[in-house]
Amino acid sequence: MDHVPDEKGSEDRGTSLIEVLVSMLILLIAVLGLVGLQVRAQQSEMESYQRAQALILLQDMVGRINANRKVAGCYAVTTDLASGAPYFGTDSAIGTPTCTAGTAEQQAIAARDMEDWNDLLLGAAEVAAGSNVGAMVGARGCVSYDAATDLYMVTVAWQGLGATFEPVGQNCGRGQYGDETQRRVVSQSVRIANLL
């Protein structure tokens, strides 16, 4: 006996095909949403990693200045506070600053500290395939001195992965990252006590 499908059975099969297609479309949208979420999570993780690296480099220079406080003025090479220049790190043109304060040994320590910090900002602490990969994207460091407040300001700037807001009052690396909303900055002030 041959089975002949009735019209209702044909409609059920057509409805099932449409339901499958709608389900696949919903699944595709959900997968695309998860992919977008994953990309955003990786971007946030990289931003967090870069901020952590910047804080480590910031504390490194603060520690170096405190350890060699007799010649703290030697470290203050960022003299144009409006533009945040000159600076250490990416595209740096500082070289080895000269210093006349303190003893020759203290001056040599300051020069070595600044060279080492410049290398760290360039990522020289970690090398992969012959390239420096240990620092943030476009890392730059500034050390300035404000005679009015008797404070040294150590600042690290780098390029973020997305636009946020322009850092207010921090000029290190200003104009070096294209859009100022992609420039990230951390800074710390240092006061050197006058101990007699």
Protein backbone atom coordinates (compact mmCIF):
# COMPACT_ATOMS: atom_id res chain seq x y z
CA MET A 1 0.00 0.00 0.00
CA ASP A 2 1.40 3.36 -1.02
CA HIS A 3 1.28 6.19 1.47
CA VAL A 4 0.22 9.49 -0.02
CA PRO A 5 0.87 12.54 2.18
CA ASP A 6 -2.03 14.80 2.68
CA GLU A 7 -1.86 18.54 2.34
CA LYS A 8 -1.57 19.06 6.09
CA GLY A 9 1.65 16.99 6.21
CA SER A 10 3.19 19.16 3.51
CA GLU A 11 2.39 22.28 5.52
CA ASP A 12 4.00 20.79 8.63
CA ARG A 13 7.20 20.12 6.73
CA GLY A 14 7.27 23.69 5.34
CA THR A 15 6.65 25.16 8.75
CA SER A 16 9.44 23.04 10.21
CA LEU A 17 11.89 24.32 7.58
CA ILE A 18 10.99 27.96 8.39
CA GLU A 19 11.37 27.25 12.11
CA VAL A 20 14.81 25.75 11.50
CA LEU A 21 15.88 28.78 9.45
CA VAL A 22 14.63 31.22 12.11
CA SER A 23 16.41 29.19 14.80
CA MET A 24 19.64 29.28 12.79
CA LEU A 25 19.31 33.05 12.35
CA ILE A 26 18.83 33.54 16.10
CA LEU A 27 21.82 31.27 16.79
CA LEU A 28 23.95 33.23 14.30
CA ILE A 29 23.07 36.54 15.96
CA ALA A 30 23.92 35.07 19.37
CA VAL A 31 27.29 33.77 18.12
CA LEU A 32 28.12 37.16 16.58
CA GLY A 33 27.25 38.80 19.89
CA LEU A 34 29.58 36.42 21.73
CA VAL A 35 32.39 37.10 19.25
CA GLY A 36 31.94 40.86 19.78
CA LEU A 37 31.96 40.35 23.54
CA GLN A 38 35.17 38.30 23.29
CA VAL A 39 36.88 40.99 21.20
CA ARG A 40 35.84 43.65 23.71
CA ALA A 41 37.11 41.51 26.61
CA GLN A 42 40.50 41.05 24.92
CA GLN A 43 40.74 44.79 24.27
CA SER A 44 39.97 45.53 27.92
CA GLU A 45 42.53 42.95 29.02
CA MET A 46 45.21 44.57 26.85
CA GLU A 47 44.32 48.04 28.20
CA SER A 48 44.63 46.69 31.74
CA TYR A 49 47.97 45.01 30.94
CA GLN A 50 49.35 48.25 29.49
CA ARG A 51 48.23 50.25 32.53
CA ALA A 52 49.93 47.71 34.84
CA GLN A 53 53.15 47.97 32.82
CA ALA A 54 52.97 51.77 32.95
CA LEU A 55 52.56 51.73 36.73
CA ILE A 56 55.56 49.42 37.08
CA LEU A 57 57.70 51.74 34.95
CA LEU A 58 56.42 54.77 36.85
CA GLN A 59 57.37 53.26 40.20
CA ASP A 60 60.72 52.22 38.76
CA MET A 61 61.70 55.82 38.00
CA VAL A 62 60.28 57.15 41.27
CA GLY A 63 62.43 54.59 43.09
CA ARG A 64 65.51 55.55 41.10
CA ILE A 65 65.04 59.25 41.90
CA ASN A 66 64.52 58.51 45.60
CA ALA A 67 67.60 56.28 45.70
CA ASN A 68 69.78 59.00 44.13
CA ARG A 69 68.06 62.02 45.69
CA LYS A 70 71.21 64.16 45.99
CA VAL A 71 71.09 64.65 42.20
CA ALA A 72 67.30 64.50 41.70
CA GLY A 73 67.54 67.57 39.47
CA CYS A 74 69.54 65.55 36.96
CA TYR A 75 66.45 63.43 36.21
CA ALA A 76 64.20 66.41 35.37
CA VAL A 77 64.68 66.56 31.60
CA THR A 78 61.11 67.44 30.57
CA THR A 79 61.42 71.21 30.41
CA ASP A 80 58.50 72.19 28.13
CA LEU A 81 55.57 71.50 30.42
CA ALA A 82 53.00 72.67 27.84
CA SER A 83 53.99 70.02 25.29
CA GLY A 84 55.51 67.42 27.63
CA ALA A 85 58.83 67.43 25.81
CA PRO A 86 61.47 66.19 25.73
CA TYR A 87 60.61 62.71 26.89
CA PHE A 88 62.12 59.25 27.17
CA GLY A 89 61.00 56.21 25.20
CA THR A 90 59.46 56.07 21.73
CA ASP A 91 61.01 58.64 19.34
CA SER A 92 63.11 60.04 22.17
CA ALA A 93 65.77 62.57 21.31
CA ILE A 94 67.14 63.04 24.84
CA GLY A 95 70.28 60.93 24.61
CA THR A 96 72.28 61.03 27.83
CA PRO A 97 71.52 64.22 29.76
CA THR A 98 74.39 65.99 31.44
CA CYS A 99 74.28 66.88 35.09
CA THR A 100 76.49 69.12 37.20
CA ALA A 101 75.03 68.44 40.67
CA GLY A 102 76.49 65.98 43.17
CA THR A 103 79.53 63.77 42.77
CA ALA A 104 80.75 62.13 39.59
CA GLU A 105 79.51 58.77 40.91
CA GLN A 106 76.00 60.16 41.60
CA GLN A 107 75.95 61.75 38.13
CA ALA A 108 76.95 58.45 36.54
CA ILE A 109 74.18 56.64 38.43
CA ALA A 110 71.64 59.22 37.23
CA ALA A 111 72.82 58.88 33.62
CA ARG A 112 72.64 55.07 33.82
CA ASP A 113 69.19 55.23 35.46
CA MET A 114 67.86 57.41 32.65
CA GLU A 115 69.35 55.17 29.95
CA ASP A 116 67.89 52.09 31.65
CA TRP A 117 64.46 53.72 31.97
CA ASN A 118 64.54 54.75 28.33
CA ASP A 119 65.31 51.14 27.36
CA LEU A 120 62.46 49.87 29.55
CA LEU A 121 60.04 52.30 27.92
CA LEU A 122 61.19 50.99 24.55
CA GLY A 123 60.40 47.45 25.70
CA ALA A 124 63.99 46.21 25.75
CA ALA A 125 63.30 44.04 28.82
CA GLU A 126 61.52 41.48 26.61
CA VAL A 127 62.57 40.56 23.08
CA ALA A 128 60.74 38.31 20.62
CA ALA A 129 62.02 37.63 17.10
CA GLY A 130 64.57 40.42 17.47
CA SER A 131 61.96 43.05 18.38
CA ASN A 132 61.36 44.77 21.72
CA VAL A 133 57.94 43.70 23.01
CA GLY A 134 58.09 44.46 26.72
CA ALA A 135 56.37 47.82 27.03
CA MET A 136 53.16 49.57 26.11
CA VAL A 137 52.27 50.80 22.62
CA GLY A 138 54.22 54.01 21.99
CA ALA A 139 55.51 54.28 25.58
CA ARG A 140 56.95 57.66 26.58
CA GLY A 141 58.17 58.89 29.95
CA CYS A 142 58.58 62.42 31.32
CA VAL A 143 60.29 63.73 34.42
CA SER A 144 59.75 67.40 35.21
CA TYR A 145 60.40 69.74 38.12
CA ASP A 146 58.14 72.54 39.33
CA ALA A 147 60.19 75.01 41.37
CA ALA A 148 57.07 76.77 42.67
CA THR A 149 55.81 73.64 44.43
CA ASP A 150 59.24 71.95 44.81
CA LEU A 151 57.80 68.78 43.25
CA TYR A 152 59.14 66.39 40.66
CA MET A 153 56.51 64.84 38.41
CA VAL A 154 57.15 61.43 36.86
CA THR A 155 54.73 60.55 34.06
CA VAL A 156 54.32 57.61 31.68
CA ALA A 157 52.17 57.96 28.55
CA TRP A 158 51.13 55.38 25.96
CA GLN A 159 48.58 54.78 23.22
CA GLY A 160 45.35 53.09 24.21
CA LEU A 161 43.39 50.79 21.93
CA GLY A 162 40.22 52.85 21.84
CA ALA A 163 39.06 56.40 22.37
CA THR A 164 38.11 57.41 25.92
CA PHE A 165 38.79 61.01 26.99
CA GLU A 166 41.70 63.42 26.81
CA PRO A 167 43.91 63.38 29.92
CA VAL A 168 43.55 66.76 31.64
CA GLY A 169 46.60 68.44 33.13
CA GLN A 170 49.05 65.78 31.94
CA ASN A 171 51.00 66.78 28.84
CA CYS A 172 53.57 63.99 28.54
CA GLY A 173 53.40 62.68 24.97
CA ARG A 174 50.85 65.32 23.91
CA GLY A 175 50.29 65.25 20.17
CA GLN A 176 52.18 61.98 19.68
CA TYR A 177 49.24 59.59 19.37
CA GLY A 178 47.04 61.28 16.79
CA ASP A 179 43.77 61.56 18.65
CA GLU A 180 44.29 62.79 22.22
CA THR A 181 41.45 60.56 23.39
CA GLN A 182 43.72 57.57 22.76
CA ARG A 183 46.56 58.90 24.91
CA ARG A 184 46.75 57.23 28.31
CA VAL A 185 48.74 58.75 31.19
CA VAL A 186 49.74 57.80 34.73
CA SER A 187 51.83 60.08 36.92
CA GLN A 188 53.17 60.49 40.42
CA SER A 189 54.66 63.46 42.18
CA VAL A 190 57.86 63.15 44.18
CA ARG A 191 59.01 65.56 46.87
CA ILE A 192 62.65 65.39 47.88
CA ALA A 193 63.11 66.34 51.51
CA ASN A 194 65.93 68.72 52.36
CA LEU A 195 67.67 66.75 55.08
CA LEU A 196 70.56 68.50 56.80
